C-alpha atoms as a PDB file:
ATOM      1  CA  MET A   1       8.192  16.312   1.344  1.00  0.00           C
ATOM      2  CA  THR A   2       5.981  19.309   2.091  1.00  0.00           C
ATOM      3  CA  GLY A   3       5.594  21.590   5.090  1.00  0.00           C
ATOM      4  CA  GLN A   4       8.085  22.267   7.862  1.00  0.00           C
ATOM      5  CA  VAL A   5      10.389  19.483   8.961  1.00  0.00           C
ATOM      6  CA  ARG A   6      11.200  19.511  12.655  1.00  0.00           C
ATOM      7  CA  THR A   7      13.838  17.818  14.736  1.00  0.00           C
ATOM      8  CA  VAL A   8      12.946  15.631  17.700  1.00  0.00           C
ATOM      9  CA  ASP A   9      13.282  18.608  20.060  1.00  0.00           C
ATOM     10  CA  GLY A  10      10.926  20.730  17.943  1.00  0.00           C
ATOM     11  CA  ARG A  11      13.352  22.918  16.019  1.00  0.00           C
ATOM     12  CA  VAL A  12      12.599  23.626  12.353  1.00  0.00           C
ATOM     13  CA  ALA A  13      15.188  21.924  10.161  1.00  0.00           C
ATOM     14  CA  GLY A  14      16.904  23.992   7.498  1.00  0.00           C
ATOM     15  CA  ARG A  15      17.479  22.908   3.924  1.00  0.00           C
ATOM     16  CA  ARG A  16      20.638  21.022   4.799  1.00  0.00           C
ATOM     17  CA  GLY A  17      18.968  19.348   7.741  1.00  0.00           C
ATOM     18  CA  GLN A  18      16.030  18.289   5.582  1.00  0.00           C
ATOM     19  CA  ALA A  19      18.413  16.788   3.054  1.00  0.00           C
ATOM     20  CA  THR A  20      20.206  14.860   5.802  1.00  0.00           C
ATOM     21  CA  ARG A  21      16.921  13.604   7.208  1.00  0.00           C
ATOM     22  CA  GLN A  22      15.764  12.430   3.781  1.00  0.00           C
ATOM     23  CA  LYS A  23      19.086  10.709   3.149  1.00  0.00           C
ATOM     24  CA  LEU A  24      18.670   8.799   6.417  1.00  0.00           C
ATOM     25  CA  LEU A  25      15.190   7.690   5.339  1.00  0.00           C
ATOM     26  CA  ASP A  26      16.441   6.676   1.888  1.00  0.00           C
ATOM     27  CA  CYS A  27      19.274   4.626   3.380  1.00  0.00           C
ATOM     28  CA  LEU A  28      16.905   2.976   5.843  1.00  0.00           C
ATOM     29  CA  SER A  29      14.507   2.089   3.014  1.00  0.00           C
ATOM     30  CA  GLU A  30      17.353   0.495   1.105  1.00  0.00           C
ATOM     31  CA  MET A  31      18.457  -1.500   4.144  1.00  0.00           C
ATOM     32  CA  LEU A  32      14.936  -2.786   4.769  1.00  0.00           C
ATOM     33  CA  SER A  33      14.978  -4.379   1.326  1.00  0.00           C
ATOM     34  CA  THR A  34      17.938  -6.579   2.276  1.00  0.00           C
ATOM     35  CA  SER A  35      17.739  -6.971   6.066  1.00  0.00           C
ATOM     36  CA  PRO A  36      15.028  -8.010   8.550  1.00  0.00           C
ATOM     37  CA  TYR A  37      13.401  -4.955  10.107  1.00  0.00           C
ATOM     38  CA  ARG A  38      14.547  -5.699  13.664  1.00  0.00           C
ATOM     39  CA  ASP A  39      18.133  -6.304  12.587  1.00  0.00           C
ATOM     40  CA  VAL A  40      18.558  -2.727  11.346  1.00  0.00           C
ATOM     41  CA  LYS A  41      20.424  -0.581  13.878  1.00  0.00           C
ATOM     42  CA  VAL A  42      20.738   3.180  14.152  1.00  0.00           C
ATOM     43  CA  ILE A  43      24.513   3.060  13.858  1.00  0.00           C
ATOM     44  CA  ASP A  44      24.251   1.098  10.604  1.00  0.00           C
ATOM     45  CA  VAL A  45      21.758   3.552   9.068  1.00  0.00           C
ATOM     46  CA  ALA A  46      23.901   6.512  10.114  1.00  0.00           C
ATOM     47  CA  ARG A  47      27.071   4.938   8.744  1.00  0.00           C
ATOM     48  CA  LYS A  48      25.387   4.183   5.419  1.00  0.00           C
ATOM     49  CA  ALA A  49      24.171   7.790   5.224  1.00  0.00           C
ATOM     50  CA  GLY A  50      27.670   9.086   5.987  1.00  0.00           C
ATOM     51  CA  THR A  51      26.694  10.681   9.284  1.00  0.00           C
ATOM     52  CA  SER A  52      26.555   9.839  12.994  1.00  0.00           C
ATOM     53  CA  PRO A  53      24.008   8.205  15.314  1.00  0.00           C
ATOM     54  CA  ALA A  54      23.733  11.548  17.109  1.00  0.00           C
ATOM     55  CA  THR A  55      22.538  13.125  13.872  1.00  0.00           C
ATOM     56  CA  PHE A  56      20.028  10.304  13.371  1.00  0.00           C
ATOM     57  CA  TYR A  57      18.578  10.951  16.831  1.00  0.00           C
ATOM     58  CA  GLN A  58      18.116  14.622  15.973  1.00  0.00           C
ATOM     59  CA  TYR A  59      15.368  13.590  13.541  1.00  0.00           C
ATOM     60  CA  PHE A  60      14.012  10.256  14.798  1.00  0.00           C
ATOM     61  CA  PRO A  61      13.573   8.742  18.271  1.00  0.00           C
ATOM     62  CA  ASP A  62      14.658   5.307  17.016  1.00  0.00           C
ATOM     63  CA  VAL A  63      14.635   3.070  13.934  1.00  0.00           C
ATOM     64  CA  GLU A  64      10.952   2.277  14.405  1.00  0.00           C
ATOM     65  CA  GLY A  65      10.105   5.976  14.394  1.00  0.00           C
ATOM     66  CA  ALA A  66      11.914   6.408  11.094  1.00  0.00           C
ATOM     67  CA  VAL A  67      10.200   3.328   9.671  1.00  0.00           C
ATOM     68  CA  LEU A  68       6.829   4.828  10.576  1.00  0.00           C
ATOM     69  CA  GLU A  69       7.783   8.018   8.716  1.00  0.00           C
ATOM     70  CA  ILE A  70       8.527   5.992   5.573  1.00  0.00           C
ATOM     71  CA  ALA A  71       5.317   4.030   6.010  1.00  0.00           C
ATOM     72  CA  GLU A  72       3.212   7.184   6.379  1.00  0.00           C
ATOM     73  CA  GLU A  73       4.601   8.631   3.148  1.00  0.00           C
ATOM     74  CA  MET A  74       3.950   5.348   1.357  1.00  0.00           C
ATOM     75  CA  ALA A  75       0.404   5.178   2.736  1.00  0.00           C
ATOM     76  CA  SER A  76      -0.379   8.619   1.340  1.00  0.00           C
ATOM     77  CA  GLU A  77       0.674   7.347  -2.069  1.00  0.00           C
ATOM     78  CA  GLY A  78      -1.289   4.122  -1.584  1.00  0.00           C
ATOM     79  CA  ALA A  79      -4.471   5.978  -0.696  1.00  0.00           C
ATOM     80  CA  GLY A  80      -4.356   7.258  -4.277  1.00  0.00           C
ATOM     81  CA  LEU A  81      -5.427   3.805  -5.465  1.00  0.00           C
ATOM     82  CA  ALA A  82      -9.000   5.022  -5.035  1.00  0.00           C
ATOM     83  CA  GLU A  83      -8.395   7.421  -7.921  1.00  0.00           C
ATOM     84  CA  LEU A  84      -8.279   4.387 -10.214  1.00  0.00           C
ATOM     85  CA  LEU A  85     -12.002   3.934  -9.512  1.00  0.00           C
ATOM     86  CA  GLU A  86     -13.197   7.542  -9.592  1.00  0.00           C
ATOM     87  CA  GLY A  87     -15.720   8.109 -12.350  1.00  0.00           C
ATOM     88  CA  ARG A  88     -15.175   4.599 -13.726  1.00  0.00           C
ATOM     89  CA  THR A  89     -17.901   2.211 -14.812  1.00  0.00           C
ATOM     90  CA  TRP A  90     -18.169  -1.521 -14.140  1.00  0.00           C
ATOM     91  CA  VAL A  91     -20.332  -2.189 -17.187  1.00  0.00           C
ATOM     92  CA  GLY A  92     -19.160  -3.815 -20.428  1.00  0.00           C
ATOM     93  CA  LYS A  93     -15.630  -3.554 -21.793  1.00  0.00           C
ATOM     94  CA  ALA A  94     -15.022  -0.381 -19.797  1.00  0.00           C
ATOM     95  CA  GLY A  95     -15.841  -2.319 -16.625  1.00  0.00           C
ATOM     96  CA  TRP A  96     -13.235  -4.921 -17.503  1.00  0.00           C
ATOM     97  CA  GLN A  97     -10.700  -2.129 -17.971  1.00  0.00           C
ATOM     98  CA  THR A  98     -11.619  -0.759 -14.543  1.00  0.00           C
ATOM     99  CA  ALA A  99     -10.901  -4.118 -12.921  1.00  0.00           C
ATOM    100  CA  GLN A 100      -7.594  -4.434 -14.764  1.00  0.00           C
ATOM    101  CA  GLY A 101      -6.533  -0.916 -13.788  1.00  0.00           C
ATOM    102  CA  LEU A 102      -7.229  -1.571 -10.117  1.00  0.00           C
ATOM    103  CA  VAL A 103      -5.247  -4.813 -10.175  1.00  0.00           C
ATOM    104  CA  ASP A 104      -2.328  -3.101 -11.914  1.00  0.00           C
ATOM    105  CA  GLY A 105      -2.363  -0.390  -9.255  1.00  0.00           C
ATOM    106  CA  PHE A 106      -2.254  -2.853  -6.356  1.00  0.00           C
ATOM    107  CA  LEU A 107       0.464  -5.040  -7.836  1.00  0.00           C
ATOM    108  CA  ASP A 108       2.611  -2.050  -8.788  1.00  0.00           C
ATOM    109  CA  LEU A 109       2.269  -0.387  -5.365  1.00  0.00           C
ATOM    110  CA  TRP A 110       3.258  -3.537  -3.509  1.00  0.00           C
ATOM    111  CA  ARG A 111       6.124  -4.294  -5.879  1.00  0.00           C
ATOM    112  CA  LYS A 112       7.480  -0.744  -5.560  1.00  0.00           C
ATOM    113  CA  ASN A 113       7.141  -0.656  -1.741  1.00  0.00           C
ATOM    114  CA  GLU A 114       7.648  -4.324  -0.933  1.00  0.00           C
ATOM    115  CA  ALA A 115      10.116  -3.817   1.921  1.00  0.00           C
ATOM    116  CA  ILE A 116       8.149  -1.218   3.907  1.00  0.00           C
ATOM    117  CA  LEU A 117       4.809  -2.942   3.283  1.00  0.00           C
ATOM    118  CA  ARG A 118       6.292  -6.141   4.675  1.00  0.00           C
ATOM    119  CA  VAL A 119       7.110  -4.253   7.872  1.00  0.00           C
ATOM    120  CA  VAL A 120       3.625  -2.688   7.962  1.00  0.00           C
ATOM    121  CA  ASP A 121       2.008  -6.109   7.570  1.00  0.00           C
ATOM    122  CA  LEU A 122       4.214  -7.549  10.326  1.00  0.00           C
ATOM    123  CA  GLY A 123       3.396  -4.724  12.717  1.00  0.00           C
ATOM    124  CA  SER A 124      -0.320  -5.002  11.952  1.00  0.00           C
ATOM    125  CA  ALA A 125      -0.284  -8.768  12.522  1.00  0.00           C
ATOM    126  CA  GLU A 126       1.407  -8.234  15.882  1.00  0.00           C
ATOM    127  CA  GLY A 127      -1.324  -5.808  16.943  1.00  0.00           C
ATOM    128  CA  ASP A 128       0.621  -2.548  16.647  1.00  0.00           C
ATOM    129  CA  LYS A 129      -2.133   0.024  16.122  1.00  0.00           C
ATOM    130  CA  ARG A 130       0.215   2.487  14.432  1.00  0.00           C
ATOM    131  CA  PHE A 131       1.035   0.072  11.633  1.00  0.00           C
ATOM    132  CA  TYR A 132      -2.569  -1.147  11.499  1.00  0.00           C
ATOM    133  CA  LYS A 133      -3.812   2.404  10.888  1.00  0.00           C
ATOM    134  CA  ILE A 134      -1.290   2.878   8.097  1.00  0.00           C
ATOM    135  CA  ARG A 135      -2.377  -0.361   6.437  1.00  0.00           C
ATOM    136  CA  MET A 136      -6.032   0.591   6.674  1.00  0.00           C
ATOM    137  CA  LYS A 137      -5.318   4.052   5.253  1.00  0.00           C
ATOM    138  CA  ILE A 138      -4.256   2.336   2.039  1.00  0.00           C
ATOM    139  CA  LEU A 139      -7.137  -0.130   1.920  1.00  0.00           C
ATOM    140  CA  ASN A 140     -10.067   1.925   3.221  1.00  0.00           C
ATOM    141  CA  SER A 141     -10.380   4.305   0.282  1.00  0.00           C
ATOM    142  CA  VAL A 142     -10.476   1.433  -2.208  1.00  0.00           C
ATOM    143  CA  ASN A 143     -12.872  -0.501   0.013  1.00  0.00           C
ATOM    144  CA  SER A 144     -15.269   2.455   0.090  1.00  0.00           C
ATOM    145  CA  SER A 145     -15.119   2.904  -3.687  1.00  0.00           C
ATOM    146  CA  LEU A 146     -15.778  -0.773  -4.381  1.00  0.00           C
ATOM    147  CA  SER A 147     -18.645  -0.853  -1.913  1.00  0.00           C
ATOM    148  CA  SER A 148     -20.197   2.174  -3.606  1.00  0.00           C
ATOM    149  CA  ALA A 149     -19.804   0.492  -7.001  1.00  0.00           C
ATOM    150  CA  VAL A 150     -21.722  -2.584  -5.819  1.00  0.00           C
ATOM    151  CA  LYS A 151     -24.452  -0.402  -4.299  1.00  0.00           C
ATOM    152  CA  ASP A 152     -24.773   1.512  -7.558  1.00  0.00           C
ATOM    153  CA  LEU A 153     -25.147  -1.711  -9.542  1.00  0.00           C
ATOM    154  CA  GLN A 154     -27.765  -2.907  -7.045  1.00  0.00           C
ATOM    155  CA  SER A 155     -29.770   0.295  -7.500  1.00  0.00           C
ATOM    156  CA  LYS A 156     -29.829  -0.394 -11.235  1.00  0.00           C
ATOM    157  CA  GLY A 157     -30.928  -3.990 -10.782  1.00  0.00           C
ATOM    158  CA  LYS A 158     -27.636  -5.400 -12.048  1.00  0.00           C
ATOM    159  CA  VAL A 159     -26.568  -7.017  -8.752  1.00  0.00           C
ATOM    160  CA  ASP A 160     -28.742  -9.121  -6.440  1.00  0.00           C
ATOM    161  CA  LYS A 161     -30.197  -7.182  -3.498  1.00  0.00           C
ATOM    162  CA  ASP A 162     -29.063  -9.895  -1.079  1.00  0.00           C
ATOM    163  CA  VAL A 163     -25.413  -9.094  -1.755  1.00  0.00           C
ATOM    164  CA  ASN A 164     -23.726  -7.155   1.056  1.00  0.00           C
ATOM    165  CA  PRO A 165     -21.624  -4.432  -0.646  1.00  0.00           C
ATOM    166  CA  ALA A 166     -19.341  -3.899   2.335  1.00  0.00           C
ATOM    167  CA  ALA A 167     -18.654  -7.626   2.690  1.00  0.00           C
ATOM    168  CA  VAL A 168     -17.884  -7.995  -1.019  1.00  0.00           C
ATOM    169  CA  ALA A 169     -15.661  -4.913  -1.080  1.00  0.00           C
ATOM    170  CA  GLY A 170     -13.782  -5.941   2.052  1.00  0.00           C
ATOM    171  CA  SER A 171     -13.197  -9.436   0.720  1.00  0.00           C
ATOM    172  CA  LEU A 172     -11.905  -8.143  -2.619  1.00  0.00           C
ATOM    173  CA  VAL A 173      -9.577  -5.583  -1.036  1.00  0.00           C
ATOM    174  CA  THR A 174      -8.178  -8.201   1.343  1.00  0.00           C
ATOM    175  CA  MET A 175      -7.635 -10.554  -1.588  1.00  0.00           C
ATOM    176  CA  LEU A 176      -5.894  -7.858  -3.628  1.00  0.00           C
ATOM    177  CA  ALA A 177      -3.558  -6.956  -0.762  1.00  0.00           C
ATOM    178  CA  GLY A 178      -2.807 -10.611  -0.047  1.00  0.00           C
ATOM    179  CA  VAL A 179      -2.032 -11.473  -3.653  1.00  0.00           C
ATOM    180  CA  ALA A 180      -0.002  -8.283  -4.147  1.00  0.00           C
ATOM    181  CA  SER A 181       2.178  -9.120  -1.144  1.00  0.00           C
ATOM    182  CA  HIS A 182       2.739 -12.681  -2.401  1.00  0.00           C
ATOM    183  CA  GLN A 183       3.702 -12.004  -6.026  1.00  0.00           C
ATOM    184  CA  LYS A 184       7.025 -13.831  -5.823  1.00  0.00           C
ATOM    185  CA  GLY A 185       5.262 -16.822  -4.317  1.00  0.00           C
ATOM    186  CA  PHE A 186       3.072 -17.196  -7.381  1.00  0.00           C
ATOM    187  CA  GLN A 187       6.181 -17.632  -9.506  1.00  0.00           C
ATOM    188  CA  THR A 188       7.156 -20.688  -7.447  1.00  0.00           C
ATOM    189  CA  TRP A 189       3.735 -22.136  -8.318  1.00  0.00           C
ATOM    190  CA  GLY A 190       4.431 -21.681 -11.998  1.00  0.00           C
ATOM    191  CA  VAL A 191       2.257 -18.568 -12.379  1.00  0.00           C
ATOM    192  CA  LYS A 192       3.975 -15.902 -14.460  1.00  0.00           C
ATOM    193  CA  GLN A 193       3.335 -12.207 -13.817  1.00  0.00           C
ATOM    194  CA  PRO A 194       1.495 -11.663 -17.138  1.00  0.00           C
ATOM    195  CA  GLU A 195      -0.829 -14.558 -16.193  1.00  0.00           C
ATOM    196  CA  LEU A 196      -1.506 -13.291 -12.688  1.00  0.00           C
ATOM    197  CA  LYS A 197      -2.960  -9.902 -13.635  1.00  0.00           C
ATOM    198  CA  PRO A 198      -5.851 -10.980 -15.895  1.00  0.00           C
ATOM    199  CA  ASN A 199      -6.901 -13.811 -13.601  1.00  0.00           C
ATOM    200  CA  LEU A 200      -6.915 -11.557 -10.554  1.00  0.00           C
ATOM    201  CA  ALA A 201      -8.835  -8.926 -12.523  1.00  0.00           C
ATOM    202  CA  LEU A 202     -11.371 -11.606 -13.444  1.00  0.00           C
ATOM    203  CA  LEU A 203     -12.008 -12.363  -9.771  1.00  0.00           C
ATOM    204  CA  VAL A 204     -12.393  -8.654  -8.991  1.00  0.00           C
ATOM    205  CA  TYR A 205     -14.842  -8.136 -11.852  1.00  0.00           C
ATOM    206  CA  LEU A 206     -16.867 -11.204 -10.890  1.00  0.00           C
ATOM    207  CA  GLY A 207     -16.914 -10.060  -7.261  1.00  0.00           C
ATOM    208  CA  VAL A 208     -18.251  -6.593  -8.082  1.00  0.00           C
ATOM    209  CA  THR A 209     -20.676  -7.429 -10.886  1.00  0.00           C
ATOM    210  CA  GLY A 210     -21.482 -11.113 -10.392  1.00  0.00           C
ATOM    211  CA  LYS A 211     -20.931 -11.616 -14.135  1.00  0.00           C
ATOM    212  CA  LYS A 212     -18.193 -12.616 -16.542  1.00  0.00           C
ATOM    213  CA  PRO A 213     -16.511  -9.596 -18.163  1.00  0.00           C
ATOM    214  CA  THR A 214     -17.001  -8.442 -21.711  1.00  0.00           C
ATOM    215  CA  LYS A 215     -13.510  -8.348 -23.188  1.00  0.00           C
END
């Protein structure tokens, strides 16, 4: 955590206060992995953190406010997915590696942050603009990079001019997010994790280049 941390009433929290605030967030994150979001109560988070509800309310207006804090931190990490595409090529074996790296990044991010991303997806689906913005913060940077990759291939005559880069990129990013959030579901269909990655990467590579990868 960087910068000044303030309480709800605007006071700057000291080192001890920052540690307490972070412990509350850590305990809430842990609870979200085992309990439905709306079943988590302030008193339960405070008890798990070894403090009081009054202390919780010094740092967050309610459970939802704390959830949004966790989601914002996660979104900043998720926006780094675009770095997996910076300076990368989509041509030849290196292009296949680019597709694989992007898939690995999506699957790992969702697996690591499954609980909070489930809440973000729920809030977005219900029309909560705060959660929607957080979700788009993660996806937009990757969407832009993929769109630019398709445009670049078009300029070199490697992708048909009739292809809409934004439409392709948006479709691929939506697919990646959907598959990443449903990883456990694939296991019930008999798809093992090691089988999921290369097949998803194949779809990404085909979507960007229109061709089968060189492996």
